[in-house]
PDB file of N, CA and C in Angstrom:
ATOM      1  N   MET A   1     131.095  62.979  61.026  1.00  0.00           N
ATOM      2  CA  MET A   1     130.442  64.258  61.071  1.00  0.00           C
ATOM      3  C   MET A   1     131.347  65.166  61.545  1.00  0.00           C
ATOM      4  N   LEU A   2     130.808  66.377  61.468  1.00  0.00           N
ATOM      5  CA  LEU A   2     132.049  67.223  61.683  1.00  0.00           C
ATOM      6  C   LEU A   2     131.895  67.605  63.859  1.00  0.00           C
ATOM      7  N   SER A   3     133.052  67.442  64.523  1.00  0.00           N
ATOM      8  CA  SER A   3     133.097  68.153  65.890  1.00  0.00           C
ATOM      9  C   SER A   3     132.157  69.762  65.712  1.00  0.00           C
ATOM     10  N   SER A   4     131.316  69.744  67.057  1.00  0.00           N
ATOM     11  CA  SER A   4     130.277  71.422  67.073  1.00  0.00           C
ATOM     12  C   SER A   4     131.655  72.553  66.728  1.00  0.00           C
ATOM     13  N   GLU A   5     133.288  72.096  67.027  1.00  0.00           N
ATOM     14  CA  GLU A   5     133.627  72.686  67.394  1.00  0.00           C
ATOM     15  C   GLU A   5     134.474  73.402  66.023  1.00  0.00           C
ATOM     16  N   LEU A   6     133.709  72.033  65.097  1.00  0.00           N
ATOM     17  CA  LEU A   6     134.962  72.929  63.641  1.00  0.00           C
ATOM     18  C   LEU A   6     133.553  74.068  63.272  1.00  0.00           C
ATOM     19  N   LYS A   7     132.017  73.473  63.718  1.00  0.00           N
ATOM     20  CA  LYS A   7     131.652  74.401  62.486  1.00  0.00           C
ATOM     21  C   LYS A   7     131.346  75.202  63.476  1.00  0.00           C
ATOM     22  N   ALA A   8     132.120  75.781  64.577  1.00  0.00           N
ATOM     23  CA  ALA A   8     131.780  76.865  64.948  1.00  0.00           C
ATOM     24  C   ALA A   8     133.379  77.664  64.406  1.00  0.00           C
ATOM     25  N   PHE A   9     133.941  77.060  64.739  1.00  0.00           N
ATOM     26  CA  PHE A   9     135.101  77.734  63.823  1.00  0.00           C
ATOM     27  C   PHE A   9     134.727  77.984  62.488  1.00  0.00           C
ATOM     28  N   TYR A  10     134.425  77.811  62.271  1.00  0.00           N
ATOM     29  CA  TYR A  10     133.927  77.443  60.574  1.00  0.00           C
ATOM     30  C   TYR A  10     132.797  79.205  60.772  1.00  0.00           C
ATOM     31  N   MET A  11     131.996  79.251  61.402  1.00  0.00           N
ATOM     32  CA  MET A  11     131.642  79.950  61.779  1.00  0.00           C
ATOM     33  C   MET A  11     132.005  81.400  61.754  1.00  0.00           C
ATOM     34  N   VAL A  12     132.546  81.248  62.937  1.00  0.00           N
ATOM     35  CA  VAL A  12     132.953  82.903  63.477  1.00  0.00           C
ATOM     36  C   VAL A  12     134.202  83.316  61.844  1.00  0.00           C
ATOM     37  N   ALA A  13     134.517  82.051  61.683  1.00  0.00           N
ATOM     38  CA  ALA A  13     135.728  82.267  60.328  1.00  0.00           C
ATOM     39  C   ALA A  13     135.271  83.263  59.553  1.00  0.00           C
ATOM     40  N   ARG A  14     134.341  82.803  59.190  1.00  0.00           N
ATOM     41  CA  ARG A  14     133.098  83.445  57.829  1.00  0.00           C
ATOM     42  C   ARG A  14     132.517  84.536  58.554  1.00  0.00           C
ATOM     43  N   LEU A  15     131.962  84.736  59.658  1.00  0.00           N
ATOM     44  CA  LEU A  15     131.062  86.481  60.357  1.00  0.00           C
ATOM     45  C   LEU A  15     132.690  86.770  61.103  1.00  0.00           C
ATOM     46  N   GLY A  16     133.408  85.909  61.425  1.00  0.00           N
ATOM     47  CA  GLY A  16     134.218  87.755  62.273  1.00  0.00           C
ATOM     48  C   GLY A  16     133.304  88.045  63.368  1.00  0.00           C
ATOM     49  N   SER A  17     132.940  87.274  63.589  1.00  0.00           N
ATOM     50  CA  SER A  17     131.969  87.445  65.011  1.00  0.00           C
ATOM     51  C   SER A  17     131.510  85.924  66.097  1.00  0.00           C
ATOM     52  N   ILE A  18     132.012  85.976  67.796  1.00  0.00           N
ATOM     53  CA  ILE A  18     131.867  84.739  68.025  1.00  0.00           C
ATOM     54  C   ILE A  18     129.929  85.710  67.669  1.00  0.00           C
ATOM     55  N   THR A  19     128.838  86.092  68.437  1.00  0.00           N
ATOM     56  CA  THR A  19     127.874  86.887  68.488  1.00  0.00           C
ATOM     57  C   THR A  19     127.658  86.121  67.437  1.00  0.00           C
ATOM     58  N   LEU A  20     128.020  86.400  66.135  1.00  0.00           N
ATOM     59  CA  LEU A  20     127.200  86.117  64.766  1.00  0.00           C
ATOM     60  C   LEU A  20     126.490  84.722  64.668  1.00  0.00           C
ATOM     61  N   ALA A  21     127.702  84.966  65.053  1.00  0.00           N
ATOM     62  CA  ALA A  21     127.721  82.818  64.404  1.00  0.00           C
ATOM     63  C   ALA A  21     127.510  82.181  65.941  1.00  0.00           C
ATOM     64  N   ALA A  22     127.396  82.397  67.254  1.00  0.00           N
ATOM     65  CA  ALA A  22     126.114  81.769  68.107  1.00  0.00           C
ATOM     66  C   ALA A  22     124.812  82.250  67.325  1.00  0.00           C
ATOM     67  N   LYS A  23     123.828  83.016  67.245  1.00  0.00           N
ATOM     68  CA  LYS A  23     123.581  83.506  66.371  1.00  0.00           C
ATOM     69  C   LYS A  23     122.731  82.100  65.694  1.00  0.00           C
ATOM     70  N   LYS A  24     123.689  82.343  64.405  1.00  0.00           N
ATOM     71  CA  LYS A  24     123.923  81.200  63.782  1.00  0.00           C
ATOM     72  C   LYS A  24     123.552  80.189  63.456  1.00  0.00           C
ATOM     73  N   LEU A  25     124.418  79.698  64.784  1.00  0.00           N
ATOM     74  CA  LEU A  25     124.302  77.870  64.846  1.00  0.00           C
ATOM     75  C   LEU A  25     123.070  78.012  65.933  1.00  0.00           C
ATOM     76  N   GLY A  26     122.034  79.151  66.303  1.00  0.00           N
ATOM     77  CA  GLY A  26     121.521  78.380  66.860  1.00  0.00           C
ATOM     78  C   GLY A  26     122.185  77.990  69.224  1.00  0.00           C
ATOM     79  N   LEU A  27     123.309  79.055  69.341  1.00  0.00           N
ATOM     80  CA  LEU A  27     123.601  78.192  70.643  1.00  0.00           C
ATOM     81  C   LEU A  27     124.694  79.403  71.199  1.00  0.00           C
ATOM     82  N   SER A  28     124.511  79.948  72.129  1.00  0.00           N
ATOM     83  CA  SER A  28     125.020  80.747  73.213  1.00  0.00           C
ATOM     84  C   SER A  28     126.844  80.802  73.078  1.00  0.00           C
ATOM     85  N   GLN A  29     126.549  83.054  73.017  1.00  0.00           N
ATOM     86  CA  GLN A  29     128.164  83.043  72.795  1.00  0.00           C
ATOM     87  C   GLN A  29     129.258  82.527  73.960  1.00  0.00           C
ATOM     88  N   PRO A  30     128.496  81.683  74.668  1.00  0.00           N
ATOM     89  CA  PRO A  30     129.982  81.835  75.607  1.00  0.00           C
ATOM     90  C   PRO A  30     130.155  80.478  75.226  1.00  0.00           C
ATOM     91  N   THR A  31     128.674  79.552  75.173  1.00  0.00           N
ATOM     92  CA  THR A  31     129.512  78.162  74.183  1.00  0.00           C
ATOM     93  C   THR A  31     130.376  78.142  72.995  1.00  0.00           C
ATOM     94  N   VAL A  32     129.986  79.053  71.873  1.00  0.00           N
ATOM     95  CA  VAL A  32     130.840  79.353  71.291  1.00  0.00           C
ATOM     96  C   VAL A  32     132.739  79.420  71.353  1.00  0.00           C
ATOM     97  N   THR A  33     132.044  80.345  72.591  1.00  0.00           N
ATOM     98  CA  THR A  33     133.509  81.120  72.721  1.00  0.00           C
ATOM     99  C   THR A  33     134.136  79.759  73.085  1.00  0.00           C
ATOM    100  N   THR A  34     133.404  79.083  74.491  1.00  0.00           N
ATOM    101  CA  THR A  34     134.465  77.231  74.085  1.00  0.00           C
ATOM    102  C   THR A  34     134.339  77.106  73.668  1.00  0.00           C
ATOM    103  N   GLN A  35     133.698  76.385  72.913  1.00  0.00           N
ATOM    104  CA  GLN A  35     134.102  75.672  71.189  1.00  0.00           C
ATOM    105  C   GLN A  35     135.567  75.898  70.900  1.00  0.00           C
ATOM    106  N   ILE A  36     135.539  77.021  70.134  1.00  0.00           N
ATOM    107  CA  ILE A  36     136.408  77.678  69.641  1.00  0.00           C
ATOM    108  C   ILE A  36     138.151  77.702  70.870  1.00  0.00           C
ATOM    109  N   ARG A  37     137.295  77.449  71.916  1.00  0.00           N
ATOM    110  CA  ARG A  37     139.311  77.910  73.076  1.00  0.00           C
ATOM    111  C   ARG A  37     138.763  76.272  72.759  1.00  0.00           C
ATOM    112  N   ASN A  38     138.636  75.501  73.499  1.00  0.00           N
ATOM    113  CA  ASN A  38     138.626  73.933  73.498  1.00  0.00           C
ATOM    114  C   ASN A  38     140.042  73.829  71.606  1.00  0.00           C
ATOM    115  N   LEU A  39     139.070  73.842  70.709  1.00  0.00           N
ATOM    116  CA  LEU A  39     139.673  73.114  69.578  1.00  0.00           C
ATOM    117  C   LEU A  39     142.163  74.305  70.130  1.00  0.00           C
ATOM    118  N   GLU A  40     141.537  75.082  70.145  1.00  0.00           N
ATOM    119  CA  GLU A  40     142.736  75.585  69.876  1.00  0.00           C
ATOM    120  C   GLU A  40     143.943  75.529  72.026  1.00  0.00           C
ATOM    121  N   SER A  41     142.430  75.096  72.840  1.00  0.00           N
ATOM    122  CA  SER A  41     143.571  74.681  73.756  1.00  0.00           C
ATOM    123  C   SER A  41     143.712  72.738  72.862  1.00  0.00           C
ATOM    124  N   GLN A  42     143.053  72.447  71.959  1.00  0.00           N
ATOM    125  CA  GLN A  42     143.296  70.470  71.855  1.00  0.00           C
ATOM    126  C   GLN A  42     144.644  71.025  70.946  1.00  0.00           C
ATOM    127  N   TYR A  43     144.589  72.465  69.910  1.00  0.00           N
ATOM    128  CA  TYR A  43     145.388  71.472  69.038  1.00  0.00           C
ATOM    129  C   TYR A  43     146.949  72.721  69.308  1.00  0.00           C
ATOM    130  N   ALA A  44     146.584  73.246  70.562  1.00  0.00           N
ATOM    131  CA  ALA A  44     148.244  74.338  70.740  1.00  0.00           C
ATOM    132  C   ALA A  44     148.642  75.800  70.067  1.00  0.00           C
ATOM    133  N   VAL A  45     147.775  75.464  68.968  1.00  0.00           N
ATOM    134  CA  VAL A  45     147.917  76.511  68.556  1.00  0.00           C
ATOM    135  C   VAL A  45     146.787  78.301  68.672  1.00  0.00           C
ATOM    136  N   GLU A  46     146.853  79.470  68.410  1.00  0.00           N
ATOM    137  CA  GLU A  46     145.748  80.291  68.181  1.00  0.00           C
ATOM    138  C   GLU A  46     144.931  81.089  67.551  1.00  0.00           C
ATOM    139  N   LEU A  47     143.937  80.129  67.006  1.00  0.00           N
ATOM    140  CA  LEU A  47     143.231  79.912  66.092  1.00  0.00           C
ATOM    141  C   LEU A  47     143.062  81.490  65.100  1.00  0.00           C
ATOM    142  N   PHE A  48     142.407  82.223  66.236  1.00  0.00           N
ATOM    143  CA  PHE A  48     141.879  84.221  65.981  1.00  0.00           C
ATOM    144  C   PHE A  48     142.909  84.368  66.627  1.00  0.00           C
ATOM    145  N   TYR A  49     143.330  86.668  65.911  1.00  0.00           N
ATOM    146  CA  TYR A  49     143.650  87.823  66.592  1.00  0.00           C
ATOM    147  C   TYR A  49     142.273  88.190  66.886  1.00  0.00           C
ATOM    148  N   ARG A  50     142.379  88.461  68.539  1.00  0.00           N
ATOM    149  CA  ARG A  50     141.074  88.938  68.841  1.00  0.00           C
ATOM    150  C   ARG A  50     141.629  90.507  68.930  1.00  0.00           C
ATOM    151  N   GLY A  51     140.950  91.265  68.503  1.00  0.00           N
ATOM    152  CA  GLY A  51     140.671  92.411  68.504  1.00  0.00           C
ATOM    153  C   GLY A  51     139.997  94.324  68.157  1.00  0.00           C
ATOM    154  N   GLY A  52     139.258  94.659  69.326  1.00  0.00           N
ATOM    155  CA  GLY A  52     138.646  94.958  68.332  1.00  0.00           C
ATOM    156  C   GLY A  52     137.270  94.279  68.525  1.00  0.00           C
ATOM    157  N   ARG A  53     136.188  94.636  67.745  1.00  0.00           N
ATOM    158  CA  ARG A  53     134.427  93.235  67.364  1.00  0.00           C
ATOM    159  C   ARG A  53     134.936  92.429  66.300  1.00  0.00           C
ATOM    160  N   ARG A  54     136.487  92.436  65.619  1.00  0.00           N
ATOM    161  CA  ARG A  54     136.134  92.113  65.081  1.00  0.00           C
ATOM    162  C   ARG A  54     137.259  91.434  64.685  1.00  0.00           C
ATOM    163  N   LEU A  55     136.953  89.540  64.532  1.00  0.00           N
ATOM    164  CA  LEU A  55     137.532  88.150  64.443  1.00  0.00           C
ATOM    165  C   LEU A  55     138.834  87.931  63.764  1.00  0.00           C
ATOM    166  N   VAL A  56     140.151  87.628  64.065  1.00  0.00           N
ATOM    167  CA  VAL A  56     140.729  87.611  62.288  1.00  0.00           C
ATOM    168  C   VAL A  56     141.189  86.233  62.092  1.00  0.00           C
ATOM    169  N   LEU A  57     141.568  85.753  61.398  1.00  0.00           N
ATOM    170  CA  LEU A  57     142.230  84.539  61.672  1.00  0.00           C
ATOM    171  C   LEU A  57     143.256  85.208  61.717  1.00  0.00           C
ATOM    172  N   SER A  58     144.497  83.449  62.398  1.00  0.00           N
ATOM    173  CA  SER A  58     145.635  83.643  62.413  1.00  0.00           C
ATOM    174  C   SER A  58     146.126  83.352  61.612  1.00  0.00           C
ATOM    175  N   GLU A  59     147.513  82.382  60.960  1.00  0.00           N
ATOM    176  CA  GLU A  59     147.805  81.457  60.054  1.00  0.00           C
ATOM    177  C   GLU A  59     147.724  80.064  60.258  1.00  0.00           C
ATOM    178  N   GLU A  60     147.368  79.796  61.576  1.00  0.00           N
ATOM    179  CA  GLU A  60     146.834  78.356  61.879  1.00  0.00           C
ATOM    180  C   GLU A  60     145.937  78.197  61.477  1.00  0.00           C
ATOM    181  N   GLY A  61     145.542  78.763  61.760  1.00  0.00           N
ATOM    182  CA  GLY A  61     143.362  79.806  61.227  1.00  0.00           C
ATOM    183  C   GLY A  61     143.364  79.467  59.414  1.00  0.00           C
ATOM    184  N   VAL A  62     143.450  79.922  59.433  1.00  0.00           N
ATOM    185  CA  VAL A  62     144.186  80.417  57.214  1.00  0.00           C
ATOM    186  C   VAL A  62     144.110  79.395  57.052  1.00  0.00           C
ATOM    187  N   ARG A  63     145.634  78.073  57.879  1.00  0.00           N
ATOM    188  CA  ARG A  63     145.537  77.047  57.415  1.00  0.00           C
ATOM    189  C   ARG A  63     143.948  75.810  57.346  1.00  0.00           C
ATOM    190  N   LEU A  64     143.633  76.157  58.330  1.00  0.00           N
ATOM    191  CA  LEU A  64     142.367  75.245  58.979  1.00  0.00           C
ATOM    192  C   LEU A  64     141.246  75.358  58.349  1.00  0.00           C
ATOM    193  N   LEU A  65     140.801  77.241  57.743  1.00  0.00           N
ATOM    194  CA  LEU A  65     139.393  76.961  56.752  1.00  0.00           C
ATOM    195  C   LEU A  65     139.268  76.247  56.040  1.00  0.00           C
ATOM    196  N   PRO A  66     139.910  76.518  54.492  1.00  0.00           N
ATOM    197  CA  PRO A  66     139.668  75.005  53.275  1.00  0.00           C
ATOM    198  C   PRO A  66     139.719  73.590  53.880  1.00  0.00           C
ATOM    199  N   MET A  67     139.669  73.525  54.743  1.00  0.00           N
ATOM    200  CA  MET A  67     139.923  71.748  55.385  1.00  0.00           C
ATOM    201  C   MET A  67     138.535  71.460  56.240  1.00  0.00           C
ATOM    202  N   VAL A  68     137.884  73.095  56.979  1.00  0.00           N
ATOM    203  CA  VAL A  68     136.710  72.871  57.114  1.00  0.00           C
ATOM    204  C   VAL A  68     136.179  73.267  56.072  1.00  0.00           C
ATOM    205  N   LYS A  69     136.150  73.985  55.194  1.00  0.00           N
ATOM    206  CA  LYS A  69     135.325  73.757  54.634  1.00  0.00           C
ATOM    207  C   LYS A  69     135.244  72.696  53.634  1.00  0.00           C
ATOM    208  N   ALA A  70     135.655  72.416  53.362  1.00  0.00           N
ATOM    209  CA  ALA A  70     136.081  70.679  52.487  1.00  0.00           C
ATOM    210  C   ALA A  70     134.661  69.713  52.971  1.00  0.00           C
ATOM    211  N   LEU A  71     135.847  69.919  53.990  1.00  0.00           N
ATOM    212  CA  LEU A  71     134.264  68.642  55.000  1.00  0.00           C
ATOM    213  C   LEU A  71     133.028  68.971  55.100  1.00  0.00           C
ATOM    214  N   LEU A  72     132.242  70.337  55.153  1.00  0.00           N
ATOM    215  CA  LEU A  72     130.916  70.913  55.626  1.00  0.00           C
ATOM    216  C   LEU A  72     130.924  70.865  54.415  1.00  0.00           C
ATOM    217  N   GLN A  73     131.335  70.335  52.667  1.00  0.00           N
ATOM    218  CA  GLN A  73     130.912  70.725  51.605  1.00  0.00           C
ATOM    219  C   GLN A  73     129.766  69.003  50.902  1.00  0.00           C
TER     220      GLN A  73
END
């Protein structure tokens, strides 16, 4: 089973917004933020570039996304 952090990463990457991902997942925005930060801390990478209202995948995030997507299918 996928960890909740990976599910949160996938939804944020897909939607470009922690708030929208949280709504879709039925979680609070701070919970999703914490899940993303936990992933980034665990793997010592930055998965998103934060700027403005949308998040953009970093190089590491771009590499992780297809793997997570394959696990979800």
